[in-house]
Amino acid sequence: MVYYIIVTGGVISGLGKGITTASIGKILQFHGYEVTAIKIDPYINFDAGTLRPT
């Protein structure tokens, strides 16, 4: 059976999402699960740094 864990957040919190995802993945691997992390970039062809979050 396949399970998905989705980690989301704002534009600025990229480092926190990466650390959180890596930590969850490592804990699951320690318990015997096979883990694959996939980064999805919803801002394809856009510079996320110039977008206003309003």
Protein backbone atom coordinates (compact mmCIF):
# COMPACT_ATOMS: atom_id res chain seq x y z
CA MET A 1 0.00 0.00 0.00
CA VAL A 2 1.29 3.48 -0.86
CA TYR A 3 0.98 6.41 1.54
CA TYR A 4 1.71 10.07 0.81
CA ILE A 5 2.86 12.74 3.26
CA ILE A 6 2.61 16.26 1.84
CA VAL A 7 4.61 19.07 3.45
CA THR A 8 3.49 22.57 2.47
CA GLY A 9 4.38 26.10 3.50
CA GLY A 10 5.00 29.62 2.30
CA VAL A 11 7.51 30.89 -0.23
CA ILE A 12 10.05 32.00 2.37
CA SER A 13 10.07 28.86 4.55
CA GLY A 14 11.87 26.59 2.05
CA LEU A 15 14.65 25.60 4.45
CA GLY A 16 12.22 24.62 7.21
CA LYS A 17 10.17 22.45 4.84
CA GLY A 18 13.30 20.67 3.64
CA ILE A 19 14.56 19.92 7.14
CA THR A 20 11.10 18.75 8.24
CA THR A 21 10.70 16.51 5.20
CA ALA A 22 14.16 15.00 5.61
CA SER A 23 13.57 14.36 9.31
CA ILE A 24 10.21 12.65 8.74
CA GLY A 25 11.73 10.57 5.93
CA LYS A 26 14.67 9.45 8.09
CA ILE A 27 12.37 8.46 10.96
CA LEU A 28 10.20 6.41 8.60
CA GLN A 29 13.29 4.74 7.08
CA PHE A 30 14.47 3.86 10.59
CA HIS A 31 11.15 2.06 11.12
CA GLY A 32 11.58 0.04 7.92
CA TYR A 33 9.58 2.07 5.40
CA GLU A 34 10.82 2.84 1.91
CA VAL A 35 10.89 6.61 1.48
CA THR A 36 11.20 8.80 -1.62
CA ALA A 37 11.12 12.60 -1.37
CA ILE A 38 9.84 14.52 -4.38
CA LYS A 39 9.99 18.32 -4.66
CA ILE A 40 7.16 19.83 -6.67
CA ASP A 41 7.71 23.41 -7.87
CA PRO A 42 4.30 25.02 -8.51
CA TYR A 43 5.97 28.25 -9.71
CA ILE A 44 7.34 26.77 -12.93
CA ASN A 45 8.73 29.54 -15.15
CA PHE A 46 8.09 32.13 -12.40
CA ASP A 47 10.52 33.62 -9.90
CA ALA A 48 8.87 32.83 -6.55
CA GLY A 49 11.03 35.46 -4.85
CA THR A 50 9.27 38.28 -6.70
CA LEU A 51 5.72 37.09 -6.04
CA ARG A 52 3.75 38.93 -3.37
CA PRO A 53 1.96 36.63 -0.87
CA THR A 54 -1.10 38.92 -0.70
